[in-house]
Amino acid sequence: MNLCLEFQEAYKRLDNLCRDCFRSNDGVTEYIKQMEYVFEKGEESIPDWTRRYKTLKHLRYIRNKLSHEVGTLSSGICTENDYNDVIDFYNLMMDMKDPLTVYYTDCNKKKKAASGAKKSDKNKTEKHEKAVCSGQRDYSGGSDVKKEEEAQYLFSDEKASLNNASNAIEKGPNTLFVGEITENNDGKKSENSGLKGFFGKIKDFFND
């Protein structure tokens, strides 16, 4: 078969494949348009982007010449390399290794990675908010559990201060705020820190 005719047959297959992929009657022309829409980004991320783009335009030029100009079928306008380029691009599309497929696959990966990072940040934020509400301080280096235990100890230890402080209301505001020293039946003295001591410890805990 004449090389030009073989080229035309191969080009028809490629054109039909592009029509099916883009649901467009423009075939290869539509593929070229899609490359032009994202040309700068594609050129930056896909090594052979520009070469493939120029090759497609050249193949379309030859096909138009063969289809619309008289006498071109018997001319040397089509070369073996042109024919091989059509076959090669068709195979790239079938293997999903053509420029547009590679470009959008890469975009989707980056989008998913960015979405995963945002989700991770959201989880960290939620964890931090829960930690603050429970008295846990957010530390790097895996000491969250230790700090949570310290916080729980702090708050459980100071419950007595709150109870003593509430009992001290009848004794006057100074006792409630500053605390008092009491003596039990054995003569041992104990200090109730009052609200001042309670909130002072909390402040020290979160500022250390």
C-alpha atoms as a PDB file:
ATOM      1  CA  MET A   1       0.000   0.000   0.000  1.00  0.00           C
ATOM      2  CA  ASN A   2       1.103   3.572  -0.689  1.00  0.00           C
ATOM      3  CA  LEU A   3       2.783   5.170   2.359  1.00  0.00           C
ATOM      4  CA  CYS A   4       0.472   8.169   2.153  1.00  0.00           C
ATOM      5  CA  LEU A   5      -2.576   5.913   2.213  1.00  0.00           C
ATOM      6  CA  GLU A   6      -1.169   3.981   5.170  1.00  0.00           C
ATOM      7  CA  PHE A   7      -0.600   7.285   6.932  1.00  0.00           C
ATOM      8  CA  GLN A   8      -4.197   8.331   6.299  1.00  0.00           C
ATOM      9  CA  GLU A   9      -5.550   5.068   7.664  1.00  0.00           C
ATOM     10  CA  ALA A  10      -3.394   5.346  10.774  1.00  0.00           C
ATOM     11  CA  TYR A  11      -4.425   8.974  11.227  1.00  0.00           C
ATOM     12  CA  LYS A  12      -8.112   8.032  10.981  1.00  0.00           C
ATOM     13  CA  ARG A  13      -7.660   5.548  13.820  1.00  0.00           C
ATOM     14  CA  LEU A  14      -5.958   8.204  15.952  1.00  0.00           C
ATOM     15  CA  ASP A  15      -8.593  10.789  15.070  1.00  0.00           C
ATOM     16  CA  ASN A  16     -11.452   8.435  15.980  1.00  0.00           C
ATOM     17  CA  LEU A  17      -9.790   7.590  19.287  1.00  0.00           C
ATOM     18  CA  CYS A  18      -9.526  11.294  20.133  1.00  0.00           C
ATOM     19  CA  ARG A  19     -13.182  11.792  19.188  1.00  0.00           C
ATOM     20  CA  ASP A  20     -14.238   9.018  21.533  1.00  0.00           C
ATOM     21  CA  CYS A  21     -12.060  10.322  24.372  1.00  0.00           C
ATOM     22  CA  PHE A  22     -13.239  13.926  24.153  1.00  0.00           C
ATOM     23  CA  ARG A  23     -16.737  13.216  22.803  1.00  0.00           C
ATOM     24  CA  SER A  24     -15.971  15.713  20.100  1.00  0.00           C
ATOM     25  CA  ASN A  25     -16.125  15.623  16.315  1.00  0.00           C
ATOM     26  CA  ASP A  26     -12.808  17.479  16.095  1.00  0.00           C
ATOM     27  CA  GLY A  27     -10.649  14.471  17.014  1.00  0.00           C
ATOM     28  CA  VAL A  28      -6.941  15.306  16.876  1.00  0.00           C
ATOM     29  CA  THR A  29      -7.775  19.017  16.636  1.00  0.00           C
ATOM     30  CA  GLU A  30      -9.600  18.773  19.963  1.00  0.00           C
ATOM     31  CA  TYR A  31      -6.579  17.085  21.530  1.00  0.00           C
ATOM     32  CA  ILE A  32      -4.406  19.973  20.340  1.00  0.00           C
ATOM     33  CA  LYS A  33      -6.893  22.495  21.764  1.00  0.00           C
ATOM     34  CA  GLN A  34      -6.853  20.752  25.130  1.00  0.00           C
ATOM     35  CA  MET A  35      -3.058  20.926  25.187  1.00  0.00           C
ATOM     36  CA  GLU A  36      -3.195  24.635  24.388  1.00  0.00           C
ATOM     37  CA  TYR A  37      -5.566  25.287  27.313  1.00  0.00           C
ATOM     38  CA  VAL A  38      -2.910  24.145  29.800  1.00  0.00           C
ATOM     39  CA  PHE A  39       0.164  24.627  27.634  1.00  0.00           C
ATOM     40  CA  GLU A  40       2.403  26.522  30.080  1.00  0.00           C
ATOM     41  CA  LYS A  41       1.690  24.191  32.997  1.00  0.00           C
ATOM     42  CA  GLY A  42       2.051  21.124  30.797  1.00  0.00           C
ATOM     43  CA  GLU A  43       5.323  22.388  29.384  1.00  0.00           C
ATOM     44  CA  GLU A  44       6.670  22.830  32.924  1.00  0.00           C
ATOM     45  CA  SER A  45       5.669  19.407  34.203  1.00  0.00           C
ATOM     46  CA  ILE A  46       5.815  17.066  31.170  1.00  0.00           C
ATOM     47  CA  PRO A  47       9.299  16.682  29.591  1.00  0.00           C
ATOM     48  CA  ASP A  48       8.173  15.912  26.013  1.00  0.00           C
ATOM     49  CA  TRP A  49       5.093  18.162  26.050  1.00  0.00           C
ATOM     50  CA  THR A  50       6.233  20.671  23.436  1.00  0.00           C
ATOM     51  CA  ARG A  51       7.650  18.034  21.108  1.00  0.00           C
ATOM     52  CA  ARG A  52       4.414  16.010  21.197  1.00  0.00           C
ATOM     53  CA  TYR A  53       2.377  19.151  20.596  1.00  0.00           C
ATOM     54  CA  LYS A  54       4.426  20.126  17.550  1.00  0.00           C
ATOM     55  CA  THR A  55       4.310  16.557  16.245  1.00  0.00           C
ATOM     56  CA  LEU A  56       0.505  16.459  16.425  1.00  0.00           C
ATOM     57  CA  LYS A  57       0.204  19.753  14.589  1.00  0.00           C
ATOM     58  CA  HIS A  58       2.593  18.504  11.910  1.00  0.00           C
ATOM     59  CA  LEU A  59       0.659  15.257  11.498  1.00  0.00           C
ATOM     60  CA  ARG A  60      -2.588  17.170  11.188  1.00  0.00           C
ATOM     61  CA  TYR A  61      -1.002  19.410   8.564  1.00  0.00           C
ATOM     62  CA  ILE A  62       0.038  16.403   6.478  1.00  0.00           C
ATOM     63  CA  ARG A  63      -3.382  14.805   6.813  1.00  0.00           C
ATOM     64  CA  ASN A  64      -5.079  18.028   5.649  1.00  0.00           C
ATOM     65  CA  LYS A  65      -2.735  18.221   2.677  1.00  0.00           C
ATOM     66  CA  LEU A  66      -3.482  14.618   1.698  1.00  0.00           C
ATOM     67  CA  SER A  67      -7.217  15.085   2.097  1.00  0.00           C
ATOM     68  CA  HIS A  68      -7.730  18.437   0.394  1.00  0.00           C
ATOM     69  CA  GLU A  69      -4.979  18.921  -2.180  1.00  0.00           C
ATOM     70  CA  VAL A  70      -4.902  17.186  -5.537  1.00  0.00           C
ATOM     71  CA  GLY A  71      -1.925  14.956  -6.323  1.00  0.00           C
ATOM     72  CA  THR A  72      -0.552  14.716  -2.804  1.00  0.00           C
ATOM     73  CA  LEU A  73      -1.250  10.979  -2.461  1.00  0.00           C
ATOM     74  CA  SER A  74       1.456  10.241  -4.979  1.00  0.00           C
ATOM     75  CA  SER A  75       3.861  12.838  -3.654  1.00  0.00           C
ATOM     76  CA  GLY A  76       6.589  12.468  -1.051  1.00  0.00           C
ATOM     77  CA  ILE A  77       4.834  14.727   1.447  1.00  0.00           C
ATOM     78  CA  CYS A  78       4.502  11.864   3.944  1.00  0.00           C
ATOM     79  CA  THR A  79       7.587  10.147   5.337  1.00  0.00           C
ATOM     80  CA  GLU A  80       8.167   6.930   7.220  1.00  0.00           C
ATOM     81  CA  ASN A  81       8.800   8.962  10.374  1.00  0.00           C
ATOM     82  CA  ASP A  82       5.418  10.662  10.019  1.00  0.00           C
ATOM     83  CA  TYR A  83       3.680   7.324   9.756  1.00  0.00           C
ATOM     84  CA  ASN A  84       5.563   6.002  12.779  1.00  0.00           C
ATOM     85  CA  ASP A  85       4.673   9.143  14.773  1.00  0.00           C
ATOM     86  CA  VAL A  86       0.955   8.534  14.192  1.00  0.00           C
ATOM     87  CA  ILE A  87       1.275   4.921  15.332  1.00  0.00           C
ATOM     88  CA  ASP A  88       3.366   5.975  18.314  1.00  0.00           C
ATOM     89  CA  PHE A  89       0.868   8.590  19.510  1.00  0.00           C
ATOM     90  CA  TYR A  90      -2.022   6.163  19.109  1.00  0.00           C
ATOM     91  CA  ASN A  91      -0.185   3.629  21.277  1.00  0.00           C
ATOM     92  CA  LEU A  92       0.617   6.294  23.875  1.00  0.00           C
ATOM     93  CA  MET A  93      -3.077   7.096  24.214  1.00  0.00           C
ATOM     94  CA  MET A  94      -4.027   3.427  24.454  1.00  0.00           C
ATOM     95  CA  ASP A  95      -1.408   2.945  27.179  1.00  0.00           C
ATOM     96  CA  MET A  96      -2.519   6.184  28.924  1.00  0.00           C
ATOM     97  CA  LYS A  97       0.958   7.652  28.551  1.00  0.00           C
ATOM     98  CA  ASP A  98       0.079  10.516  26.234  1.00  0.00           C
ATOM     99  CA  PRO A  99       0.854  14.087  27.411  1.00  0.00           C
ATOM    100  CA  LEU A 100      -2.656  15.069  28.539  1.00  0.00           C
ATOM    101  CA  THR A 101      -3.262  11.842  30.443  1.00  0.00           C
ATOM    102  CA  VAL A 102       0.099  12.120  32.204  1.00  0.00           C
ATOM    103  CA  TYR A 103      -0.538  15.787  32.998  1.00  0.00           C
ATOM    104  CA  TYR A 104      -3.985  15.290  34.526  1.00  0.00           C
ATOM    105  CA  THR A 105      -2.899  12.149  36.368  1.00  0.00           C
ATOM    106  CA  ASP A 106      -0.119  14.189  37.962  1.00  0.00           C
ATOM    107  CA  CYS A 107      -2.576  16.990  38.798  1.00  0.00           C
ATOM    108  CA  ASN A 108      -4.929  14.542  40.491  1.00  0.00           C
ATOM    109  CA  LYS A 109      -2.093  13.084  42.566  1.00  0.00           C
ATOM    110  CA  LYS A 110      -1.054  16.555  43.728  1.00  0.00           C
ATOM    111  CA  LYS A 111      -4.670  17.434  44.497  1.00  0.00           C
ATOM    112  CA  LYS A 112      -5.130  14.285  46.575  1.00  0.00           C
ATOM    113  CA  ALA A 113      -1.850  14.929  48.373  1.00  0.00           C
ATOM    114  CA  ALA A 114      -2.919  18.491  49.171  1.00  0.00           C
ATOM    115  CA  SER A 115      -6.316  17.246  50.332  1.00  0.00           C
ATOM    116  CA  GLY A 116      -4.610  14.659  52.578  1.00  0.00           C
ATOM    117  CA  ALA A 117      -2.365  17.351  54.047  1.00  0.00           C
ATOM    118  CA  LYS A 118      -5.371  19.572  54.799  1.00  0.00           C
ATOM    119  CA  LYS A 119      -7.143  16.635  56.422  1.00  0.00           C
ATOM    120  CA  SER A 120      -4.050  15.929  58.519  1.00  0.00           C
ATOM    121  CA  ASP A 121      -3.871  19.579  59.587  1.00  0.00           C
ATOM    122  CA  LYS A 122      -7.567  19.484  60.448  1.00  0.00           C
ATOM    123  CA  ASN A 123      -7.057  16.396  62.596  1.00  0.00           C
ATOM    124  CA  LYS A 124      -4.141  18.075  64.371  1.00  0.00           C
ATOM    125  CA  THR A 125      -6.269  21.160  65.009  1.00  0.00           C
ATOM    126  CA  GLU A 126      -9.126  19.072  66.383  1.00  0.00           C
ATOM    127  CA  LYS A 127      -6.668  17.167  68.577  1.00  0.00           C
ATOM    128  CA  HIS A 128      -5.229  20.431  69.869  1.00  0.00           C
ATOM    129  CA  GLU A 129      -8.709  21.822  70.608  1.00  0.00           C
ATOM    130  CA  LYS A 130      -9.637  18.664  72.509  1.00  0.00           C
ATOM    131  CA  ALA A 131      -6.352  18.876  74.389  1.00  0.00           C
ATOM    132  CA  VAL A 132      -7.031  22.452  75.457  1.00  0.00           C
ATOM    133  CA  CYS A 133     -10.543  21.573  76.605  1.00  0.00           C
ATOM    134  CA  SER A 134      -9.279  18.621  78.650  1.00  0.00           C
ATOM    135  CA  GLY A 135      -6.321  20.490  80.136  1.00  0.00           C
ATOM    136  CA  GLN A 136      -3.824  18.730  77.884  1.00  0.00           C
ATOM    137  CA  ARG A 137      -1.053  20.766  76.333  1.00  0.00           C
ATOM    138  CA  ASP A 138       0.032  20.046  72.774  1.00  0.00           C
ATOM    139  CA  TYR A 139       3.739  19.158  72.722  1.00  0.00           C
ATOM    140  CA  SER A 140       5.814  17.770  69.920  1.00  0.00           C
ATOM    141  CA  GLY A 141       8.017  14.787  70.577  1.00  0.00           C
ATOM    142  CA  GLY A 142       5.329  12.386  71.811  1.00  0.00           C
ATOM    143  CA  SER A 143       4.868  13.795  75.323  1.00  0.00           C
ATOM    144  CA  ASP A 144       1.148  14.468  74.957  1.00  0.00           C
ATOM    145  CA  VAL A 145       0.195  11.537  77.180  1.00  0.00           C
ATOM    146  CA  LYS A 146       2.562  12.660  79.896  1.00  0.00           C
ATOM    147  CA  LYS A 147       1.187  16.172  79.812  1.00  0.00           C
ATOM    148  CA  GLU A 148      -2.359  14.885  79.866  1.00  0.00           C
ATOM    149  CA  GLU A 149      -1.569  12.898  82.997  1.00  0.00           C
ATOM    150  CA  GLU A 150       0.027  15.975  84.551  1.00  0.00           C
ATOM    151  CA  ALA A 151      -3.014  18.043  83.688  1.00  0.00           C
ATOM    152  CA  GLN A 152      -5.415  15.472  85.110  1.00  0.00           C
ATOM    153  CA  TYR A 153      -3.328  15.311  88.289  1.00  0.00           C
ATOM    154  CA  LEU A 154      -3.280  19.089  88.530  1.00  0.00           C
ATOM    155  CA  PHE A 155      -7.003  19.439  88.221  1.00  0.00           C
ATOM    156  CA  SER A 156      -7.837  16.515  90.509  1.00  0.00           C
ATOM    157  CA  ASP A 157      -5.335  17.778  93.080  1.00  0.00           C
ATOM    158  CA  GLU A 158      -6.825  21.246  93.037  1.00  0.00           C
ATOM    159  CA  LYS A 159     -10.429  20.091  93.396  1.00  0.00           C
ATOM    160  CA  ALA A 160      -9.811  20.207  97.084  1.00  0.00           C
ATOM    161  CA  SER A 161      -8.808  23.842  96.766  1.00  0.00           C
ATOM    162  CA  LEU A 162     -12.092  24.627  95.093  1.00  0.00           C
ATOM    163  CA  ASN A 163     -14.033  22.736  97.735  1.00  0.00           C
ATOM    164  CA  ASN A 164     -12.126  24.485 100.507  1.00  0.00           C
ATOM    165  CA  ALA A 165     -12.600  27.782  98.709  1.00  0.00           C
ATOM    166  CA  SER A 166     -16.336  27.290  98.517  1.00  0.00           C
ATOM    167  CA  ASN A 167     -16.378  26.493 102.203  1.00  0.00           C
ATOM    168  CA  ALA A 168     -14.381  29.649 102.841  1.00  0.00           C
ATOM    169  CA  ILE A 169     -17.015  31.945 101.370  1.00  0.00           C
ATOM    170  CA  GLU A 170     -18.583  32.381 104.791  1.00  0.00           C
ATOM    171  CA  LYS A 171     -15.173  33.373 106.184  1.00  0.00           C
ATOM    172  CA  GLY A 172     -14.840  36.380 103.913  1.00  0.00           C
ATOM    173  CA  PRO A 173     -13.500  37.194 100.421  1.00  0.00           C
ATOM    174  CA  ASN A 174      -9.864  37.395 101.539  1.00  0.00           C
ATOM    175  CA  THR A 175      -9.913  33.800 102.769  1.00  0.00           C
ATOM    176  CA  LEU A 176     -11.647  32.682  99.602  1.00  0.00           C
ATOM    177  CA  PHE A 177      -9.022  34.285  97.363  1.00  0.00           C
ATOM    178  CA  VAL A 178      -5.791  33.810  99.310  1.00  0.00           C
ATOM    179  CA  GLY A 179      -6.593  30.606 101.190  1.00  0.00           C
ATOM    180  CA  GLU A 180      -6.059  29.706 104.814  1.00  0.00           C
ATOM    181  CA  ILE A 181      -4.047  27.503 107.146  1.00  0.00           C
ATOM    182  CA  THR A 182      -6.090  25.005 109.160  1.00  0.00           C
ATOM    183  CA  GLU A 183      -5.151  22.694 112.015  1.00  0.00           C
ATOM    184  CA  ASN A 184      -6.526  19.159 112.371  1.00  0.00           C
ATOM    185  CA  ASN A 185      -7.130  17.149 115.553  1.00  0.00           C
ATOM    186  CA  ASP A 186      -3.495  15.960 115.671  1.00  0.00           C
ATOM    187  CA  GLY A 187      -2.226  19.480 115.637  1.00  0.00           C
ATOM    188  CA  LYS A 188      -0.884  19.232 112.099  1.00  0.00           C
ATOM    189  CA  LYS A 189      -1.315  22.284 109.935  1.00  0.00           C
ATOM    190  CA  SER A 190      -2.364  22.211 106.262  1.00  0.00           C
ATOM    191  CA  GLU A 191      -2.594  25.024 103.768  1.00  0.00           C
ATOM    192  CA  ASN A 192      -5.561  25.481 101.441  1.00  0.00           C
ATOM    193  CA  SER A 193      -4.368  27.550  98.531  1.00  0.00           C
ATOM    194  CA  GLY A 194      -7.713  29.092  97.610  1.00  0.00           C
ATOM    195  CA  LEU A 195      -8.583  30.406  94.161  1.00  0.00           C
ATOM    196  CA  LYS A 196      -5.373  32.416  93.851  1.00  0.00           C
ATOM    197  CA  GLY A 197      -3.226  29.304  94.208  1.00  0.00           C
ATOM    198  CA  PHE A 198      -5.495  27.254  91.979  1.00  0.00           C
ATOM    199  CA  PHE A 199      -5.411  29.582  88.983  1.00  0.00           C
ATOM    200  CA  GLY A 200      -1.759  30.377  89.606  1.00  0.00           C
ATOM    201  CA  LYS A 201      -0.886  26.710  89.151  1.00  0.00           C
ATOM    202  CA  ILE A 202      -2.961  26.503  85.998  1.00  0.00           C
ATOM    203  CA  LYS A 203      -1.185  29.549  84.590  1.00  0.00           C
ATOM    204  CA  ASP A 204       2.219  28.083  85.440  1.00  0.00           C
ATOM    205  CA  PHE A 205       1.255  24.770  83.852  1.00  0.00           C
ATOM    206  CA  PHE A 206       0.288  26.255  80.499  1.00  0.00           C
ATOM    207  CA  ASN A 207       3.187  28.712  80.425  1.00  0.00           C
ATOM    208  CA  ASP A 208       6.056  26.394  81.316  1.00  0.00           C
END
